[in-house]
Amino acid sequence: MPRTEFVRTTTILLCLALASGSCGRHLSDAVSPNVNRAASRATLEEGQGPQRLVVAMLAPGTVAGEELAQFGGEIVEYRAAEGLVSLRAGPSMTDDDLMSALAGDPRFVAVEPERWFETAEARQRSFAFDDGLGSAQTYAEQPAGRSIGLDRAHTASLGSGVRVAILDTGADLTHPALQGAIVGGWDFVDSDPDPSDEANGIDDDEDGFVDDAYGHGTHVAGIVHLVAPSAELLVVRVLDSEGRGSLFQVAAGVRWAVSHGARVINLSLGSLSSSTTLEHALAEAEEQGVVVVTSAGNWGAEQPVEYPASSQHVFAVAAVDTGGVPADFTSRGPYVALSAPGVGVRSAYPGGLYRLWSGTSMSAPFVAGSAALLASQHPEWGPGDVRQQLSMTAGPIVDAPPNTMGAGRLDAGTAVAPMLISDEPEPDPEDIRPN
């Protein structure tokens, strides 16, 4: 189906879903058509990275350089601050030869083939929608926020003093909703200090769609800011406009975020193969007191399970609609920690716009923002304390099999302001509306 026709059809479906009030069941066919799942799965197999490269994580204090020539590999990219190097095998050796040589050297704690990470929405063809109602007001007062008790949460915390790193496609740094919130960032795709959310007008992955994920990072950043309007945002571009990024970029982004003071990291991305390199980075982040939140995926079933959602060092989030009904497209299973709104979520979009998007990528930043509220309120808490509070205060899920949607539906109001009597008057939205 041509993209214009697809977008027109899914937009109509979205509007019908919003009008009916049961978005989770009506929208799913539009955001994750089954026809795309099998084809997209092959693009995420181990070893099918952006090039035939090898990624190595250096032990602390190790310096890469000319000494790497002894292994017969050519340095493609080296990030000294993040302790990562990307290499290409020399003409007289194979990738396996290079990995074996590196793995036998104590200066490297992880060595593996390069691979792609991707947003679930780009993979399952979920695009941002314009229903004609987007505005700063409809963004700030949307049903998704009310469904998690956001007004109540904001009476106790706004996330001040906490840095949240968004590892994604970048962000529209000039968007009105994000003004004053972004305090830093880096672009690991173009290797420069400008992490802007950019479209290049080219079908780089040759899947028939141009800039599939353009605006994804802006949308995710807007959700974090909606939930934690006083939190400081670090925009880390690790994905291109197709929604794809390499293991090297994602692992470097995690380490960069930790070293730049992130207390919470949002990873709305995934791969079908796990990574020793990224697992090391995630473990380090947890040890440093960082809460890492990731999307569960949009496979609509318990299999396949994406990584890093399957990692023990992250908080994997599934999607429900505003009524607490699991979205048909959401991945689910015992690895899921919590569920949050992910159907028809309105947030910032490049160009000063506000659009709707569906997917677990939208669910994760609701939890990341809530984690920031708790981290601000309880600076002494570690990741385990934050996760426990969000899990213990979660609300019920409607019609979900046991152990598939985590501890329940995110209830930020109860988690952050548990002593507030629920029938007290709601605060004036003008007092808590994001900038």
Protein backbone atom coordinates (compact mmCIF):
# COMPACT_ATOMS: atom_id res chain seq x y z
CA MET A 1 0.00 0.00 0.00
CA PRO A 2 1.43 3.47 -0.83
CA ARG A 3 2.42 5.44 2.24
CA THR A 4 -0.07 8.21 1.58
CA GLU A 5 -2.92 5.73 1.43
CA PHE A 6 -1.65 3.93 4.55
CA VAL A 7 -1.43 7.16 6.53
CA ARG A 8 -4.90 8.22 5.34
CA THR A 9 -6.39 4.88 6.38
CA THR A 10 -4.69 4.75 9.77
CA THR A 11 -5.62 8.34 10.50
CA ILE A 12 -9.27 7.52 9.92
CA LEU A 13 -8.96 4.47 12.15
CA LEU A 14 -7.35 6.58 14.86
CA CYS A 15 -10.09 9.18 14.80
CA LEU A 16 -12.74 6.46 15.03
CA ALA A 17 -10.88 4.89 17.93
CA LEU A 18 -10.64 8.18 19.79
CA ALA A 19 -14.28 8.91 19.22
CA SER A 20 -15.34 5.49 20.49
CA GLY A 21 -13.23 5.77 23.65
CA SER A 22 -11.72 2.32 23.17
CA CYS A 23 -8.47 3.15 21.47
CA GLY A 24 -6.53 0.09 22.54
CA ARG A 25 -8.58 -2.30 20.44
CA HIS A 26 -9.42 -0.19 17.40
CA LEU A 27 -6.05 1.38 16.78
CA SER A 28 -3.93 -1.75 16.97
CA ASP A 29 -4.62 -2.89 13.41
CA ALA A 30 -3.36 0.46 12.17
CA VAL A 31 -0.17 0.64 14.18
CA SER A 32 1.07 -2.92 13.90
CA PRO A 33 -0.25 -4.80 10.87
CA ASN A 34 0.70 -8.48 10.97
CA VAL A 35 1.99 -8.34 7.40
CA ASN A 36 4.99 -6.31 8.55
CA ARG A 37 6.04 -8.42 11.53
CA ALA A 38 7.69 -11.39 9.84
CA ALA A 39 9.51 -9.23 7.31
CA SER A 40 10.82 -6.79 9.88
CA ARG A 41 12.01 -9.53 12.21
CA ALA A 42 14.77 -10.53 9.79
CA THR A 43 16.28 -7.04 9.92
CA LEU A 44 17.05 -7.50 13.61
CA GLU A 45 18.91 -10.82 13.52
CA GLU A 46 22.29 -10.98 15.23
CA GLY A 47 25.20 -9.81 13.14
CA GLN A 48 23.12 -7.83 10.64
CA GLY A 49 24.49 -4.49 11.69
CA PRO A 50 25.00 -1.34 9.66
CA GLN A 51 28.26 -2.84 8.38
CA ARG A 52 30.24 -6.00 9.09
CA LEU A 53 31.91 -4.50 12.15
CA VAL A 54 33.02 -5.60 15.57
CA VAL A 55 32.26 -3.61 18.73
CA ALA A 56 34.56 -3.85 21.73
CA MET A 57 34.18 -2.37 25.21
CA LEU A 58 37.46 -1.53 26.86
CA ALA A 59 38.29 -2.23 30.47
CA PRO A 60 38.48 0.88 32.71
CA GLY A 61 41.67 2.82 32.20
CA THR A 62 42.45 1.18 28.88
CA VAL A 63 43.40 3.44 25.99
CA ALA A 64 42.84 2.28 22.42
CA GLY A 65 45.03 3.51 19.62
CA GLU A 66 47.86 2.30 17.47
CA GLU A 67 48.21 -0.77 19.69
CA LEU A 68 45.01 -2.15 18.18
CA ALA A 69 46.82 -2.59 14.88
CA GLN A 70 48.42 -5.70 16.34
CA PHE A 71 45.09 -7.47 16.09
CA GLY A 72 44.80 -6.81 12.37
CA GLY A 73 41.70 -4.66 12.73
CA GLU A 74 41.02 -1.19 11.40
CA ILE A 75 39.49 1.33 13.81
CA VAL A 76 36.26 2.70 12.35
CA GLU A 77 35.17 4.74 15.37
CA TYR A 78 36.61 5.23 18.82
CA ARG A 79 34.96 6.91 21.81
CA ALA A 80 37.61 7.27 24.51
CA ALA A 81 35.25 8.83 27.06
CA GLU A 82 32.77 5.98 26.70
CA GLY A 83 35.45 3.26 26.39
CA LEU A 84 34.12 1.85 23.12
CA VAL A 85 35.76 1.05 19.82
CA SER A 86 34.32 -0.15 16.53
CA LEU A 87 36.64 -2.16 14.27
CA ARG A 88 36.66 -3.68 10.82
CA ALA A 89 38.55 -6.91 10.17
CA GLY A 90 41.66 -6.57 8.04
CA PRO A 91 41.94 -8.05 4.55
CA SER A 92 43.72 -11.18 5.76
CA MET A 93 41.28 -12.14 8.51
CA THR A 94 37.61 -12.81 9.20
CA ASP A 95 35.34 -11.14 11.73
CA ASP A 96 35.54 -14.28 13.87
CA ASP A 97 39.34 -14.12 13.79
CA LEU A 98 39.25 -10.51 14.98
CA MET A 99 36.73 -11.22 17.74
CA SER A 100 38.74 -14.20 18.97
CA ALA A 101 41.89 -12.13 19.16
CA LEU A 102 40.18 -9.31 21.04
CA ALA A 103 38.28 -11.62 23.38
CA GLY A 104 41.53 -13.18 24.52
CA ASP A 105 42.93 -9.83 25.63
CA PRO A 106 42.11 -8.66 29.20
CA ARG A 107 41.90 -5.05 28.01
CA PHE A 108 38.46 -5.82 26.54
CA VAL A 109 35.46 -6.71 28.71
CA ALA A 110 33.08 -7.37 25.80
CA VAL A 111 33.55 -8.14 22.10
CA GLU A 112 30.72 -8.89 19.65
CA PRO A 113 29.38 -8.24 16.15
CA GLU A 114 27.77 -4.90 15.42
CA ARG A 115 23.98 -4.92 15.05
CA TRP A 116 20.94 -2.68 14.67
CA PHE A 117 18.59 -1.42 17.34
CA GLU A 118 15.27 -0.01 16.16
CA THR A 119 12.12 1.66 17.42
CA ALA A 120 9.16 -0.70 17.63
CA GLU A 121 7.03 1.84 15.79
CA ALA A 122 9.33 2.02 12.76
CA ARG A 123 9.43 -1.76 12.71
CA GLN A 124 5.67 -2.22 12.85
CA ARG A 125 4.78 0.85 10.79
CA SER A 126 3.21 3.05 13.43
CA PHE A 127 3.34 6.70 12.38
CA ALA A 128 2.47 9.95 14.11
CA PHE A 129 -1.06 11.20 13.40
CA ASP A 130 -2.50 14.67 13.07
CA ASP A 131 -6.15 14.72 14.12
CA GLY A 132 -6.40 18.50 13.75
CA LEU A 133 -6.79 19.02 17.50
CA GLY A 134 -3.15 19.28 18.49
CA SER A 135 -2.26 22.22 20.74
CA ALA A 136 -0.33 22.97 23.90
CA GLN A 137 -3.59 22.72 25.82
CA THR A 138 -4.75 19.37 24.45
CA TYR A 139 -1.23 18.03 25.03
CA ALA A 140 -1.17 19.18 28.67
CA GLU A 141 -4.72 18.08 29.47
CA GLN A 142 -4.89 14.81 27.54
CA PRO A 143 -6.67 11.69 28.86
CA ALA A 144 -3.41 9.75 29.17
CA GLY A 145 -2.19 12.15 31.84
CA ARG A 146 -5.46 11.97 33.74
CA SER A 147 -5.46 8.18 33.58
CA ILE A 148 -2.23 7.98 35.59
CA GLY A 149 -3.23 10.64 38.14
CA LEU A 150 -0.75 13.20 36.87
CA ASP A 151 -2.44 16.22 38.49
CA ARG A 152 -2.30 14.47 41.84
CA ALA A 153 1.36 13.53 41.37
CA HIS A 154 2.26 17.13 40.57
CA THR A 155 1.02 18.31 43.95
CA ALA A 156 3.99 16.47 45.46
CA SER A 157 6.72 16.57 42.81
CA LEU A 158 7.53 18.11 39.45
CA GLY A 159 10.86 16.34 38.97
CA SER A 160 13.13 19.28 39.79
CA GLY A 161 16.82 18.52 40.14
CA VAL A 162 16.62 15.26 38.19
CA ARG A 163 18.14 14.66 34.77
CA VAL A 164 16.39 12.35 32.34
CA ALA A 165 18.29 11.16 29.27
CA ILE A 166 16.24 10.34 26.18
CA LEU A 167 18.19 8.02 23.85
CA ASP A 168 16.26 8.23 20.60
CA THR A 169 16.14 10.04 17.24
CA GLY A 170 17.04 13.34 18.89
CA ALA A 171 14.56 16.14 19.54
CA ASP A 172 13.29 19.39 18.11
CA LEU A 173 15.43 21.61 20.34
CA THR A 174 13.32 24.67 19.53
CA HIS A 175 9.90 23.13 20.22
CA PRO A 176 7.87 25.41 22.54
CA ALA A 177 6.95 22.50 24.82
CA LEU A 178 10.62 21.70 25.46
CA GLN A 179 11.99 25.20 25.85
CA GLY A 180 13.97 25.52 29.06
CA ALA A 181 13.89 21.80 29.75
CA ILE A 182 16.78 20.61 27.56
CA VAL A 183 20.12 21.12 29.30
CA GLY A 184 22.47 19.15 27.08
CA GLY A 185 22.92 16.37 24.58
CA TRP A 186 25.05 14.66 21.96
CA ASP A 187 24.51 13.19 18.51
CA PHE A 188 26.14 9.76 18.22
CA VAL A 189 24.76 9.29 14.70
CA ASP A 190 26.60 12.27 13.21
CA SER A 191 29.18 12.57 16.00
CA ASP A 192 28.49 16.20 16.84
CA PRO A 193 26.96 18.22 19.70
CA ASP A 194 23.66 18.93 17.89
CA PRO A 195 21.16 16.14 18.68
CA SER A 196 18.34 17.61 16.60
CA ASP A 197 15.56 15.36 15.36
CA GLU A 198 16.24 15.48 11.60
CA ALA A 199 14.66 14.03 8.45
CA ASN A 200 16.89 13.51 5.42
CA GLY A 201 14.19 12.62 2.86
CA ILE A 202 15.92 9.35 1.94
CA ASP A 203 14.72 5.76 2.37
CA ASP A 204 18.00 4.73 4.01
CA ASP A 205 16.86 1.23 5.00
CA GLU A 206 15.12 0.62 1.64
CA ASP A 207 11.86 -0.53 3.23
CA GLY A 208 9.62 1.64 1.09
CA PHE A 209 9.11 4.31 3.76
CA VAL A 210 11.05 7.56 4.09
CA ASP A 211 12.08 8.82 7.55
CA ASP A 212 9.87 6.26 9.31
CA ALA A 213 10.77 7.49 12.79
CA TYR A 214 11.19 11.21 12.23
CA GLY A 215 9.85 13.00 15.31
CA HIS A 216 9.98 9.88 17.50
CA GLY A 217 12.52 11.34 19.91
CA THR A 218 10.70 14.66 20.08
CA HIS A 219 7.47 12.83 20.91
CA VAL A 220 9.15 10.75 23.63
CA ALA A 221 10.84 13.84 25.11
CA GLY A 222 7.49 15.61 25.18
CA ILE A 223 5.93 12.78 27.20
CA VAL A 224 8.75 12.85 29.75
CA HIS A 225 8.31 16.62 30.06
CA LEU A 226 4.54 16.26 30.41
CA VAL A 227 5.03 13.92 33.37
CA ALA A 228 8.04 15.65 34.94
CA PRO A 229 7.85 19.31 33.79
CA SER A 230 10.73 20.49 36.00
CA ALA A 231 13.13 17.66 35.16
CA GLU A 232 16.20 18.46 33.08
CA LEU A 233 16.35 16.67 29.75
CA LEU A 234 19.45 15.26 28.09
CA VAL A 235 18.80 14.60 24.40
CA VAL A 236 21.03 11.80 23.12
CA ARG A 237 20.63 10.97 19.42
CA VAL A 238 21.45 7.29 18.90
CA LEU A 239 18.89 6.55 16.15
CA ASP A 240 18.59 7.98 12.64
CA SER A 241 15.37 9.20 11.04
CA GLU A 242 14.51 5.61 10.07
CA GLY A 243 14.53 4.75 13.77
CA ARG A 244 17.69 2.65 13.56
CA GLY A 245 20.93 2.86 15.50
CA SER A 246 23.96 0.67 16.00
CA LEU A 247 24.98 -1.16 19.14
CA PHE A 248 28.02 1.12 19.31
CA GLN A 249 25.82 4.23 19.29
CA VAL A 250 23.33 2.93 21.87
CA ALA A 251 25.97 1.63 24.29
CA ALA A 252 27.97 4.85 23.94
CA GLY A 253 24.79 6.83 24.55
CA VAL A 254 24.07 4.98 27.80
CA ARG A 255 27.58 5.59 29.11
CA TRP A 256 27.47 9.23 28.00
CA ALA A 257 24.16 9.77 29.79
CA VAL A 258 25.46 8.28 33.03
CA SER A 259 28.63 10.37 32.93
CA HIS A 260 26.57 13.52 32.35
CA GLY A 261 24.42 13.12 35.42
CA ALA A 262 21.34 11.26 34.19
CA ARG A 263 19.29 9.78 37.02
CA VAL A 264 16.80 8.24 34.59
CA ILE A 265 17.38 6.91 31.06
CA ASN A 266 14.61 6.20 28.56
CA LEU A 267 15.29 3.62 25.83
CA SER A 268 12.32 3.34 23.46
CA LEU A 269 14.15 0.92 21.16
CA GLY A 270 15.08 -2.74 20.88
CA SER A 271 16.72 -5.65 19.09
CA LEU A 272 15.91 -9.35 18.87
CA SER A 273 19.38 -10.33 20.03
CA SER A 274 20.92 -9.52 23.39
CA SER A 275 24.24 -7.73 23.74
CA THR A 276 27.07 -8.31 26.19
CA THR A 277 28.37 -4.80 25.54
CA LEU A 278 25.07 -3.06 26.26
CA GLU A 279 24.42 -5.34 29.22
CA HIS A 280 27.68 -4.12 30.78
CA ALA A 281 26.63 -0.51 30.20
CA LEU A 282 23.18 -1.11 31.72
CA ALA A 283 24.66 -2.86 34.75
CA GLU A 284 27.02 0.06 35.26
CA ALA A 285 24.12 2.50 35.03
CA GLU A 286 22.17 0.59 37.67
CA GLU A 287 25.21 0.49 39.94
CA GLN A 288 25.45 4.28 39.60
CA GLY A 289 21.85 4.66 40.79
CA VAL A 290 20.31 5.24 37.35
CA VAL A 291 16.80 3.99 36.58
CA VAL A 292 16.69 2.65 33.01
CA VAL A 293 13.25 2.37 31.41
CA THR A 294 12.67 0.65 28.07
CA SER A 295 9.76 -0.17 25.78
CA ALA A 296 8.54 -3.78 25.73
CA GLY A 297 7.95 -3.91 21.97
CA ASN A 298 4.96 -3.98 19.63
CA TRP A 299 4.76 -7.66 18.66
CA GLY A 300 1.27 -8.19 20.10
CA ALA A 301 2.33 -11.39 21.83
CA GLU A 302 4.73 -12.89 24.37
CA GLN A 303 7.19 -13.82 21.62
CA PRO A 304 9.55 -12.62 20.35
CA VAL A 305 11.09 -10.90 23.36
CA GLU A 306 13.14 -7.81 22.61
CA TYR A 307 16.35 -6.63 24.20
CA PRO A 308 17.04 -4.58 26.30
CA ALA A 309 13.48 -5.10 27.55
CA SER A 310 14.56 -8.58 28.64
CA SER A 311 17.52 -7.27 30.65
CA GLN A 312 17.37 -7.57 34.43
CA HIS A 313 18.82 -4.06 34.68
CA VAL A 314 15.87 -2.24 33.09
CA PHE A 315 12.20 -1.52 33.73
CA ALA A 316 10.30 -2.86 30.68
CA VAL A 317 6.96 -1.18 29.94
CA ALA A 318 3.95 -2.51 28.03
CA ALA A 319 1.08 -0.46 26.59
CA VAL A 320 -2.52 -0.02 27.72
CA ASP A 321 -5.21 2.43 26.70
CA THR A 322 -6.56 5.06 29.09
CA GLY A 323 -9.08 2.55 30.46
CA GLY A 324 -6.36 0.10 31.48
CA VAL A 325 -7.08 -2.32 28.63
CA PRO A 326 -3.95 -3.89 27.07
CA ALA A 327 -3.26 -2.55 23.59
CA ASP A 328 -3.60 -5.28 20.99
CA PHE A 329 -0.17 -4.40 19.60
CA THR A 330 1.75 -4.53 22.88
CA SER A 331 4.38 -7.13 23.62
CA ARG A 332 3.72 -8.85 26.91
CA GLY A 333 5.16 -11.49 29.19
CA PRO A 334 6.87 -12.13 32.54
CA TYR A 335 9.73 -9.75 31.72
CA VAL A 336 7.34 -6.76 31.66
CA ALA A 337 7.57 -4.70 34.84
CA LEU A 338 4.70 -2.23 34.39
CA SER A 339 2.13 -0.96 31.88
CA ALA A 340 1.40 2.64 30.91
CA PRO A 341 -0.62 4.60 28.33
CA GLY A 342 0.53 3.89 24.79
CA VAL A 343 -2.54 4.36 22.59
CA GLY A 344 -3.25 7.68 20.89
CA VAL A 345 -0.81 9.61 23.09
CA ARG A 346 -0.45 13.27 22.20
CA SER A 347 2.97 14.87 22.44
CA ALA A 348 5.42 17.24 20.84
CA TYR A 349 6.35 16.82 17.19
CA PRO A 350 8.99 18.70 15.15
CA GLY A 351 7.99 22.11 13.86
CA GLY A 352 6.20 23.16 17.03
CA LEU A 353 3.41 20.66 16.38
CA TYR A 354 1.54 18.21 18.62
CA ARG A 355 0.63 14.81 17.21
CA LEU A 356 -0.74 11.48 18.32
CA TRP A 357 1.33 8.31 18.28
CA SER A 358 0.77 4.76 19.51
CA GLY A 359 3.25 2.17 20.71
CA THR A 360 5.19 0.97 23.73
CA SER A 361 7.73 3.67 22.91
CA MET A 362 5.11 6.10 24.17
CA SER A 363 4.41 4.01 27.30
CA ALA A 364 8.03 3.95 28.48
CA PRO A 365 8.47 7.73 28.93
CA PHE A 366 5.37 7.89 31.15
CA VAL A 367 7.22 5.57 33.51
CA ALA A 368 10.55 7.37 33.02
CA GLY A 369 8.91 10.67 33.88
CA SER A 370 7.25 9.13 36.95
CA ALA A 371 10.63 7.75 38.03
CA ALA A 372 11.97 11.31 37.80
CA LEU A 373 9.18 12.58 40.04
CA LEU A 374 10.09 9.98 42.66
CA ALA A 375 13.83 10.58 42.32
CA SER A 376 13.25 14.28 42.95
CA GLN A 377 11.02 13.57 45.91
CA HIS A 378 13.35 10.92 47.36
CA PRO A 379 16.92 11.68 46.26
CA GLU A 380 18.27 8.95 48.53
CA TRP A 381 16.33 6.22 46.71
CA GLY A 382 18.09 3.80 44.39
CA PRO A 383 16.65 2.21 41.23
CA GLY A 384 15.19 -0.67 43.25
CA ASP A 385 13.29 1.70 45.54
CA VAL A 386 11.82 3.61 42.59
CA ARG A 387 10.78 0.43 40.81
CA GLN A 388 9.24 -1.00 43.97
CA GLN A 389 7.17 2.13 44.62
CA LEU A 390 5.86 2.25 41.04
CA SER A 391 5.05 -1.46 41.14
CA MET A 392 3.38 -1.48 44.56
CA THR A 393 1.10 1.42 43.68
CA ALA A 394 0.13 0.18 40.18
CA GLY A 395 -3.54 -0.11 39.32
CA PRO A 396 -5.37 -3.07 37.81
CA ILE A 397 -5.17 -4.20 34.20
CA VAL A 398 -8.42 -5.11 32.44
CA ASP A 399 -8.69 -8.60 30.94
CA ALA A 400 -4.99 -9.50 30.99
CA PRO A 401 -3.63 -13.00 31.65
CA PRO A 402 -1.52 -13.21 34.84
CA ASN A 403 2.19 -12.32 34.61
CA THR A 404 1.93 -10.69 31.19
CA MET A 405 1.52 -6.95 31.84
CA GLY A 406 3.78 -6.46 34.82
CA ALA A 407 2.70 -5.23 38.22
CA GLY A 408 -0.24 -3.36 36.70
CA ARG A 409 -1.12 0.01 35.23
CA LEU A 410 1.03 3.01 36.16
CA ASP A 411 -0.58 5.19 38.83
CA ALA A 412 1.78 8.13 39.21
CA GLY A 413 -0.64 9.95 41.52
CA THR A 414 -0.64 7.20 44.13
CA ALA A 415 3.08 6.50 43.72
CA VAL A 416 4.19 10.10 44.19
CA ALA A 417 1.44 11.50 46.44
CA PRO A 418 0.16 8.47 48.39
CA MET A 419 -1.07 10.56 51.34
CA LEU A 420 -3.24 12.86 49.23
CA ILE A 421 -6.94 12.14 49.72
CA SER A 422 -8.24 11.13 46.32
CA ASP A 423 -11.41 13.19 46.49
CA GLU A 424 -9.64 16.50 47.13
CA PRO A 425 -10.17 19.17 44.44
CA GLU A 426 -7.81 18.87 41.49
CA PRO A 427 -5.21 21.67 41.24
CA ASP A 428 -5.58 24.35 38.62
CA PRO A 429 -4.05 22.98 35.36
CA GLU A 430 -2.51 26.42 34.77
CA ASP A 431 -0.27 25.82 37.81
CA ILE A 432 1.19 22.56 36.53
CA ARG A 433 1.02 22.79 32.74
CA PRO A 434 4.40 22.07 31.13
CA ASN A 435 6.28 25.03 29.68
